[in-house]
Protein backbone atom coordinates (compact mmCIF):
# COMPACT_ATOMS: atom_id res chain seq x y z
CA UNK A 1 0.00 0.00 0.00
CA UNK A 2 2.82 2.41 0.87
CA UNK A 3 4.54 1.64 -2.44
CA UNK A 4 1.34 2.38 -4.36
CA UNK A 5 0.81 5.60 -2.41
CA UNK A 6 4.37 6.73 -3.07
CA UNK A 7 4.02 6.01 -6.78
CA UNK A 8 0.94 8.22 -7.06
CA UNK A 9 0.50 10.45 -4.04
CA UNK A 10 -3.18 10.85 -3.28
CA UNK A 11 -2.80 14.49 -2.39
CA UNK A 12 -1.66 15.30 -5.94
CA UNK A 13 -4.45 13.29 -7.49
CA UNK A 14 -7.15 14.58 -5.14
CA UNK A 15 -6.14 18.18 -4.51
CA UNK A 16 -3.58 19.10 -7.16
CA UNK A 17 0.02 20.15 -7.37
CA UNK A 18 -0.32 23.33 -5.30
CA UNK A 19 -1.94 21.64 -2.29
CA UNK A 20 0.46 18.69 -2.47
CA UNK A 21 3.50 20.98 -2.48
CA UNK A 22 2.09 23.07 0.37
CA UNK A 23 1.54 19.88 2.36
CA UNK A 24 5.07 18.64 1.60
CA UNK A 25 6.56 22.00 2.66
CA UNK A 26 4.57 21.92 5.89
CA UNK A 27 5.88 18.44 6.71
CA UNK A 28 9.47 19.41 5.91
CA UNK A 29 9.21 22.61 7.94
CA UNK A 30 8.13 20.59 10.97
CA UNK A 31 11.28 18.46 10.73
CA UNK A 32 13.87 20.88 9.36
CA UNK A 33 15.14 24.41 9.87
CA UNK A 34 15.35 25.05 6.13
CA UNK A 35 12.94 27.83 5.14
CA UNK A 36 10.97 26.90 2.03
CA UNK A 37 8.84 29.43 0.19
CA UNK A 38 6.42 28.65 -2.63
CA UNK A 39 4.87 30.97 -5.19
CA UNK A 40 2.55 30.21 -8.08
CA UNK A 41 0.06 31.91 -10.35
CA UNK A 42 -2.43 29.06 -10.80
CA UNK A 43 -5.11 30.53 -8.54
CA UNK A 44 -7.83 27.84 -8.55
CA UNK A 45 -6.75 26.31 -11.85
CA UNK A 46 -5.54 22.74 -12.13
CA UNK A 47 -3.18 21.19 -14.63
CA UNK A 48 -3.58 17.88 -16.41
CA UNK A 49 -3.19 15.15 -13.77
CA UNK A 50 -0.13 13.65 -15.48
CA UNK A 51 1.55 17.09 -15.60
CA UNK A 52 0.79 17.67 -11.93
CA UNK A 53 2.44 14.37 -11.00
CA UNK A 54 5.53 15.15 -13.10
CA UNK A 55 5.87 18.59 -11.51
CA UNK A 56 5.31 17.21 -8.01
CA UNK A 57 7.88 14.43 -8.41
CA UNK A 58 10.46 16.88 -9.77
CA UNK A 59 9.74 19.32 -6.93
CA UNK A 60 9.98 16.51 -4.39
CA UNK A 61 13.30 15.23 -5.77
CA UNK A 62 14.77 18.73 -6.02
CA UNK A 63 13.90 19.51 -2.40
CA UNK A 64 15.20 16.13 -1.22
CA UNK A 65 18.50 16.79 -3.03
CA UNK A 66 18.73 20.23 -1.45
CA UNK A 67 18.06 18.87 2.02
CA UNK A 68 20.61 16.08 1.53
CA UNK A 69 23.44 17.92 -0.18
CA UNK A 70 23.14 21.71 -0.42
CA UNK A 71 23.45 22.82 3.21
CA UNK A 72 20.93 25.52 2.30
CA UNK A 73 19.10 27.80 4.71
CA UNK A 74 16.46 28.87 2.20
CA UNK A 75 14.71 27.32 -0.78
CA UNK A 76 12.30 28.98 -3.17
CA UNK A 77 9.90 27.07 -5.43
CA UNK A 78 8.04 28.98 -8.08
CA UNK A 79 5.50 27.64 -10.56
CA UNK A 80 4.36 30.02 -13.27
CA UNK A 81 1.80 29.30 -15.94
CA UNK A 82 2.22 31.17 -19.18
CA UNK A 83 0.18 30.88 -22.35
CA UNK A 84 2.24 28.04 -23.83
CA UNK A 85 4.50 26.88 -20.98
CA UNK A 86 4.60 25.92 -17.36
CA UNK A 87 7.89 26.93 -15.74
CA UNK A 88 8.98 25.51 -12.40
CA UNK A 89 12.05 26.93 -10.71
CA UNK A 90 13.66 25.59 -7.55
CA UNK A 91 16.43 27.77 -6.14
CA UNK A 92 18.49 27.37 -2.98
CA UNK A 93 21.15 29.40 -1.21
CA UNK A 94 23.32 26.35 -0.56
CA UNK A 95 26.89 25.46 -1.34
CA UNK A 96 26.33 24.68 -5.02
CA UNK A 97 28.34 22.22 -7.09
CA UNK A 98 30.28 21.91 -10.31
CA UNK A 99 27.69 21.06 -12.99
CA UNK A 100 30.36 19.76 -15.38
CA UNK A 101 30.43 16.57 -13.31
CA UNK A 102 26.90 15.81 -14.49
CA UNK A 103 28.09 14.91 -17.97
CA UNK A 104 31.27 13.14 -16.91
CA UNK A 105 30.23 10.93 -14.00
CA UNK A 106 27.44 8.56 -13.10
CA UNK A 107 25.48 8.28 -9.88
CA UNK A 108 23.40 11.47 -10.17
CA UNK A 109 20.17 9.52 -10.05
CA UNK A 110 18.04 12.33 -8.62
CA UNK A 111 19.01 14.81 -11.31
CA UNK A 112 18.75 12.16 -14.01
CA UNK A 113 15.30 11.19 -12.77
CA UNK A 114 14.14 14.83 -12.84
CA UNK A 115 15.52 15.30 -16.35
CA UNK A 116 13.89 12.08 -17.57
CA UNK A 117 10.52 13.13 -16.15
CA UNK A 118 10.74 16.55 -17.81
CA UNK A 119 11.78 15.02 -21.14
CA UNK A 120 8.99 12.43 -20.99
CA UNK A 121 6.49 15.28 -20.58
CA UNK A 122 7.92 16.98 -23.68
CA UNK A 123 9.85 19.54 -21.69
CA UNK A 124 13.35 20.24 -20.53
CA UNK A 125 15.27 20.65 -17.31
CA UNK A 126 18.32 22.83 -16.75
CA UNK A 127 20.62 23.09 -13.75
CA UNK A 128 22.73 26.15 -12.99
CA UNK A 129 25.19 25.98 -10.13
CA UNK A 130 28.77 26.74 -9.16
CA UNK A 131 30.74 25.61 -6.10
CA UNK A 132 30.15 28.04 -3.26
CA UNK A 133 27.06 29.56 -4.89
CA UNK A 134 23.37 28.78 -5.07
CA UNK A 135 21.74 26.24 -7.37
CA UNK A 136 18.86 26.94 -9.75
CA UNK A 137 16.82 24.16 -11.33
CA UNK A 138 14.46 25.20 -14.11
CA UNK A 139 11.83 22.97 -15.68
CA UNK A 140 9.92 24.09 -18.75
CA UNK A 141 6.92 22.04 -19.84
CA UNK A 142 4.74 22.86 -22.84
CA UNK A 143 1.02 23.11 -22.32
CA UNK A 144 -1.83 22.99 -24.74
CA UNK A 145 -5.30 24.50 -24.58
CA UNK A 146 -6.55 21.45 -22.67
CA UNK A 147 -3.84 21.42 -19.98
CA UNK A 148 -5.57 23.88 -17.66
CA UNK A 149 -9.01 23.54 -16.18
CA UNK A 150 -10.90 24.75 -13.18
CA UNK A 151 -10.44 22.77 -9.98
CA UNK A 152 -14.16 22.13 -9.68
CA UNK A 153 -14.06 20.28 -13.01
CA UNK A 154 -11.35 17.88 -11.77
CA UNK A 155 -12.39 14.30 -11.14
CA UNK A 156 -10.09 11.64 -9.84
CA UNK A 157 -11.84 8.66 -11.33
CA UNK A 158 -12.29 7.11 -7.91
C-alpha atoms as a PDB file:
ATOM      1  CA  UNK A   1       0.000   0.000   0.000  1.00  0.00           C
ATOM      2  CA  UNK A   2       2.818   2.410   0.868  1.00  0.00           C
ATOM      3  CA  UNK A   3       4.544   1.644  -2.436  1.00  0.00           C
ATOM      4  CA  UNK A   4       1.344   2.384  -4.355  1.00  0.00           C
ATOM      5  CA  UNK A   5       0.814   5.601  -2.406  1.00  0.00           C
ATOM      6  CA  UNK A   6       4.370   6.730  -3.069  1.00  0.00           C
ATOM      7  CA  UNK A   7       4.022   6.012  -6.782  1.00  0.00           C
ATOM      8  CA  UNK A   8       0.941   8.223  -7.064  1.00  0.00           C
ATOM      9  CA  UNK A   9       0.502  10.451  -4.039  1.00  0.00           C
ATOM     10  CA  UNK A  10      -3.176  10.851  -3.276  1.00  0.00           C
ATOM     11  CA  UNK A  11      -2.796  14.488  -2.385  1.00  0.00           C
ATOM     12  CA  UNK A  12      -1.662  15.303  -5.936  1.00  0.00           C
ATOM     13  CA  UNK A  13      -4.451  13.285  -7.488  1.00  0.00           C
ATOM     14  CA  UNK A  14      -7.146  14.577  -5.141  1.00  0.00           C
ATOM     15  CA  UNK A  15      -6.139  18.177  -4.506  1.00  0.00           C
ATOM     16  CA  UNK A  16      -3.584  19.099  -7.159  1.00  0.00           C
ATOM     17  CA  UNK A  17       0.021  20.148  -7.366  1.00  0.00           C
ATOM     18  CA  UNK A  18      -0.323  23.326  -5.304  1.00  0.00           C
ATOM     19  CA  UNK A  19      -1.937  21.640  -2.294  1.00  0.00           C
ATOM     20  CA  UNK A  20       0.462  18.689  -2.466  1.00  0.00           C
ATOM     21  CA  UNK A  21       3.498  20.984  -2.479  1.00  0.00           C
ATOM     22  CA  UNK A  22       2.092  23.073   0.371  1.00  0.00           C
ATOM     23  CA  UNK A  23       1.542  19.875   2.363  1.00  0.00           C
ATOM     24  CA  UNK A  24       5.074  18.641   1.599  1.00  0.00           C
ATOM     25  CA  UNK A  25       6.558  21.997   2.660  1.00  0.00           C
ATOM     26  CA  UNK A  26       4.570  21.920   5.887  1.00  0.00           C
ATOM     27  CA  UNK A  27       5.880  18.438   6.712  1.00  0.00           C
ATOM     28  CA  UNK A  28       9.470  19.410   5.912  1.00  0.00           C
ATOM     29  CA  UNK A  29       9.210  22.612   7.940  1.00  0.00           C
ATOM     30  CA  UNK A  30       8.133  20.594  10.973  1.00  0.00           C
ATOM     31  CA  UNK A  31      11.278  18.458  10.731  1.00  0.00           C
ATOM     32  CA  UNK A  32      13.875  20.882   9.356  1.00  0.00           C
ATOM     33  CA  UNK A  33      15.138  24.410   9.867  1.00  0.00           C
ATOM     34  CA  UNK A  34      15.352  25.049   6.126  1.00  0.00           C
ATOM     35  CA  UNK A  35      12.939  27.833   5.136  1.00  0.00           C
ATOM     36  CA  UNK A  36      10.971  26.902   2.027  1.00  0.00           C
ATOM     37  CA  UNK A  37       8.836  29.433   0.193  1.00  0.00           C
ATOM     38  CA  UNK A  38       6.423  28.648  -2.631  1.00  0.00           C
ATOM     39  CA  UNK A  39       4.871  30.971  -5.185  1.00  0.00           C
ATOM     40  CA  UNK A  40       2.548  30.213  -8.085  1.00  0.00           C
ATOM     41  CA  UNK A  41       0.055  31.911 -10.350  1.00  0.00           C
ATOM     42  CA  UNK A  42      -2.426  29.059 -10.798  1.00  0.00           C
ATOM     43  CA  UNK A  43      -5.112  30.526  -8.544  1.00  0.00           C
ATOM     44  CA  UNK A  44      -7.832  27.838  -8.554  1.00  0.00           C
ATOM     45  CA  UNK A  45      -6.750  26.307 -11.846  1.00  0.00           C
ATOM     46  CA  UNK A  46      -5.540  22.743 -12.132  1.00  0.00           C
ATOM     47  CA  UNK A  47      -3.178  21.186 -14.625  1.00  0.00           C
ATOM     48  CA  UNK A  48      -3.585  17.883 -16.407  1.00  0.00           C
ATOM     49  CA  UNK A  49      -3.190  15.150 -13.769  1.00  0.00           C
ATOM     50  CA  UNK A  50      -0.127  13.653 -15.480  1.00  0.00           C
ATOM     51  CA  UNK A  51       1.547  17.086 -15.601  1.00  0.00           C
ATOM     52  CA  UNK A  52       0.792  17.669 -11.929  1.00  0.00           C
ATOM     53  CA  UNK A  53       2.442  14.372 -11.000  1.00  0.00           C
ATOM     54  CA  UNK A  54       5.526  15.153 -13.103  1.00  0.00           C
ATOM     55  CA  UNK A  55       5.871  18.588 -11.511  1.00  0.00           C
ATOM     56  CA  UNK A  56       5.309  17.214  -8.012  1.00  0.00           C
ATOM     57  CA  UNK A  57       7.882  14.431  -8.410  1.00  0.00           C
ATOM     58  CA  UNK A  58      10.457  16.883  -9.772  1.00  0.00           C
ATOM     59  CA  UNK A  59       9.738  19.317  -6.931  1.00  0.00           C
ATOM     60  CA  UNK A  60       9.980  16.511  -4.389  1.00  0.00           C
ATOM     61  CA  UNK A  61      13.300  15.235  -5.774  1.00  0.00           C
ATOM     62  CA  UNK A  62      14.768  18.731  -6.023  1.00  0.00           C
ATOM     63  CA  UNK A  63      13.901  19.508  -2.401  1.00  0.00           C
ATOM     64  CA  UNK A  64      15.204  16.133  -1.220  1.00  0.00           C
ATOM     65  CA  UNK A  65      18.500  16.793  -3.028  1.00  0.00           C
ATOM     66  CA  UNK A  66      18.731  20.229  -1.450  1.00  0.00           C
ATOM     67  CA  UNK A  67      18.060  18.872   2.025  1.00  0.00           C
ATOM     68  CA  UNK A  68      20.606  16.078   1.527  1.00  0.00           C
ATOM     69  CA  UNK A  69      23.435  17.917  -0.181  1.00  0.00           C
ATOM     70  CA  UNK A  70      23.138  21.709  -0.419  1.00  0.00           C
ATOM     71  CA  UNK A  71      23.447  22.820   3.210  1.00  0.00           C
ATOM     72  CA  UNK A  72      20.930  25.517   2.303  1.00  0.00           C
ATOM     73  CA  UNK A  73      19.099  27.796   4.708  1.00  0.00           C
ATOM     74  CA  UNK A  74      16.457  28.871   2.203  1.00  0.00           C
ATOM     75  CA  UNK A  75      14.712  27.319  -0.783  1.00  0.00           C
ATOM     76  CA  UNK A  76      12.296  28.984  -3.173  1.00  0.00           C
ATOM     77  CA  UNK A  77       9.903  27.070  -5.430  1.00  0.00           C
ATOM     78  CA  UNK A  78       8.036  28.975  -8.084  1.00  0.00           C
ATOM     79  CA  UNK A  79       5.499  27.635 -10.559  1.00  0.00           C
ATOM     80  CA  UNK A  80       4.360  30.022 -13.266  1.00  0.00           C
ATOM     81  CA  UNK A  81       1.803  29.299 -15.945  1.00  0.00           C
ATOM     82  CA  UNK A  82       2.224  31.169 -19.177  1.00  0.00           C
ATOM     83  CA  UNK A  83       0.182  30.881 -22.348  1.00  0.00           C
ATOM     84  CA  UNK A  84       2.244  28.044 -23.828  1.00  0.00           C
ATOM     85  CA  UNK A  85       4.500  26.881 -20.980  1.00  0.00           C
ATOM     86  CA  UNK A  86       4.596  25.923 -17.359  1.00  0.00           C
ATOM     87  CA  UNK A  87       7.885  26.935 -15.740  1.00  0.00           C
ATOM     88  CA  UNK A  88       8.976  25.510 -12.402  1.00  0.00           C
ATOM     89  CA  UNK A  89      12.052  26.928 -10.709  1.00  0.00           C
ATOM     90  CA  UNK A  90      13.665  25.593  -7.548  1.00  0.00           C
ATOM     91  CA  UNK A  91      16.430  27.769  -6.137  1.00  0.00           C
ATOM     92  CA  UNK A  92      18.491  27.366  -2.984  1.00  0.00           C
ATOM     93  CA  UNK A  93      21.150  29.402  -1.213  1.00  0.00           C
ATOM     94  CA  UNK A  94      23.317  26.351  -0.562  1.00  0.00           C
ATOM     95  CA  UNK A  95      26.894  25.459  -1.343  1.00  0.00           C
ATOM     96  CA  UNK A  96      26.333  24.683  -5.018  1.00  0.00           C
ATOM     97  CA  UNK A  97      28.335  22.220  -7.087  1.00  0.00           C
ATOM     98  CA  UNK A  98      30.277  21.911 -10.312  1.00  0.00           C
ATOM     99  CA  UNK A  99      27.692  21.062 -12.991  1.00  0.00           C
ATOM    100  CA  UNK A 100      30.364  19.761 -15.377  1.00  0.00           C
ATOM    101  CA  UNK A 101      30.430  16.571 -13.313  1.00  0.00           C
ATOM    102  CA  UNK A 102      26.899  15.810 -14.493  1.00  0.00           C
ATOM    103  CA  UNK A 103      28.086  14.911 -17.972  1.00  0.00           C
ATOM    104  CA  UNK A 104      31.266  13.143 -16.915  1.00  0.00           C
ATOM    105  CA  UNK A 105      30.231  10.926 -13.999  1.00  0.00           C
ATOM    106  CA  UNK A 106      27.436   8.559 -13.101  1.00  0.00           C
ATOM    107  CA  UNK A 107      25.482   8.285  -9.878  1.00  0.00           C
ATOM    108  CA  UNK A 108      23.397  11.466 -10.167  1.00  0.00           C
ATOM    109  CA  UNK A 109      20.166   9.517 -10.047  1.00  0.00           C
ATOM    110  CA  UNK A 110      18.040  12.325  -8.619  1.00  0.00           C
ATOM    111  CA  UNK A 111      19.010  14.810 -11.306  1.00  0.00           C
ATOM    112  CA  UNK A 112      18.754  12.156 -14.009  1.00  0.00           C
ATOM    113  CA  UNK A 113      15.301  11.194 -12.768  1.00  0.00           C
ATOM    114  CA  UNK A 114      14.140  14.832 -12.837  1.00  0.00           C
ATOM    115  CA  UNK A 115      15.516  15.298 -16.345  1.00  0.00           C
ATOM    116  CA  UNK A 116      13.892  12.076 -17.572  1.00  0.00           C
ATOM    117  CA  UNK A 117      10.519  13.128 -16.148  1.00  0.00           C
ATOM    118  CA  UNK A 118      10.744  16.551 -17.808  1.00  0.00           C
ATOM    119  CA  UNK A 119      11.778  15.017 -21.136  1.00  0.00           C
ATOM    120  CA  UNK A 120       8.989  12.427 -20.992  1.00  0.00           C
ATOM    121  CA  UNK A 121       6.490  15.276 -20.581  1.00  0.00           C
ATOM    122  CA  UNK A 122       7.916  16.982 -23.677  1.00  0.00           C
ATOM    123  CA  UNK A 123       9.855  19.539 -21.685  1.00  0.00           C
ATOM    124  CA  UNK A 124      13.353  20.242 -20.528  1.00  0.00           C
ATOM    125  CA  UNK A 125      15.274  20.647 -17.306  1.00  0.00           C
ATOM    126  CA  UNK A 126      18.317  22.830 -16.747  1.00  0.00           C
ATOM    127  CA  UNK A 127      20.617  23.092 -13.750  1.00  0.00           C
ATOM    128  CA  UNK A 128      22.731  26.154 -12.991  1.00  0.00           C
ATOM    129  CA  UNK A 129      25.194  25.983 -10.134  1.00  0.00           C
ATOM    130  CA  UNK A 130      28.773  26.736  -9.157  1.00  0.00           C
ATOM    131  CA  UNK A 131      30.735  25.609  -6.100  1.00  0.00           C
ATOM    132  CA  UNK A 132      30.153  28.041  -3.260  1.00  0.00           C
ATOM    133  CA  UNK A 133      27.060  29.558  -4.886  1.00  0.00           C
ATOM    134  CA  UNK A 134      23.370  28.779  -5.070  1.00  0.00           C
ATOM    135  CA  UNK A 135      21.737  26.235  -7.374  1.00  0.00           C
ATOM    136  CA  UNK A 136      18.861  26.941  -9.747  1.00  0.00           C
ATOM    137  CA  UNK A 137      16.824  24.157 -11.333  1.00  0.00           C
ATOM    138  CA  UNK A 138      14.456  25.200 -14.110  1.00  0.00           C
ATOM    139  CA  UNK A 139      11.827  22.968 -15.685  1.00  0.00           C
ATOM    140  CA  UNK A 140       9.921  24.086 -18.750  1.00  0.00           C
ATOM    141  CA  UNK A 141       6.918  22.041 -19.839  1.00  0.00           C
ATOM    142  CA  UNK A 142       4.741  22.855 -22.837  1.00  0.00           C
ATOM    143  CA  UNK A 143       1.019  23.110 -22.315  1.00  0.00           C
ATOM    144  CA  UNK A 144      -1.826  22.994 -24.742  1.00  0.00           C
ATOM    145  CA  UNK A 145      -5.297  24.502 -24.581  1.00  0.00           C
ATOM    146  CA  UNK A 146      -6.553  21.447 -22.671  1.00  0.00           C
ATOM    147  CA  UNK A 147      -3.839  21.424 -19.984  1.00  0.00           C
ATOM    148  CA  UNK A 148      -5.567  23.881 -17.657  1.00  0.00           C
ATOM    149  CA  UNK A 149      -9.008  23.538 -16.180  1.00  0.00           C
ATOM    150  CA  UNK A 150     -10.899  24.752 -13.181  1.00  0.00           C
ATOM    151  CA  UNK A 151     -10.435  22.773  -9.976  1.00  0.00           C
ATOM    152  CA  UNK A 152     -14.160  22.130  -9.678  1.00  0.00           C
ATOM    153  CA  UNK A 153     -14.057  20.276 -13.007  1.00  0.00           C
ATOM    154  CA  UNK A 154     -11.351  17.877 -11.770  1.00  0.00           C
ATOM    155  CA  UNK A 155     -12.390  14.305 -11.139  1.00  0.00           C
ATOM    156  CA  UNK A 156     -10.085  11.639  -9.841  1.00  0.00           C
ATOM    157  CA  UNK A 157     -11.835   8.664 -11.335  1.00  0.00           C
ATOM    158  CA  UNK A 158     -12.290   7.111  -7.908  1.00  0.00           C
END
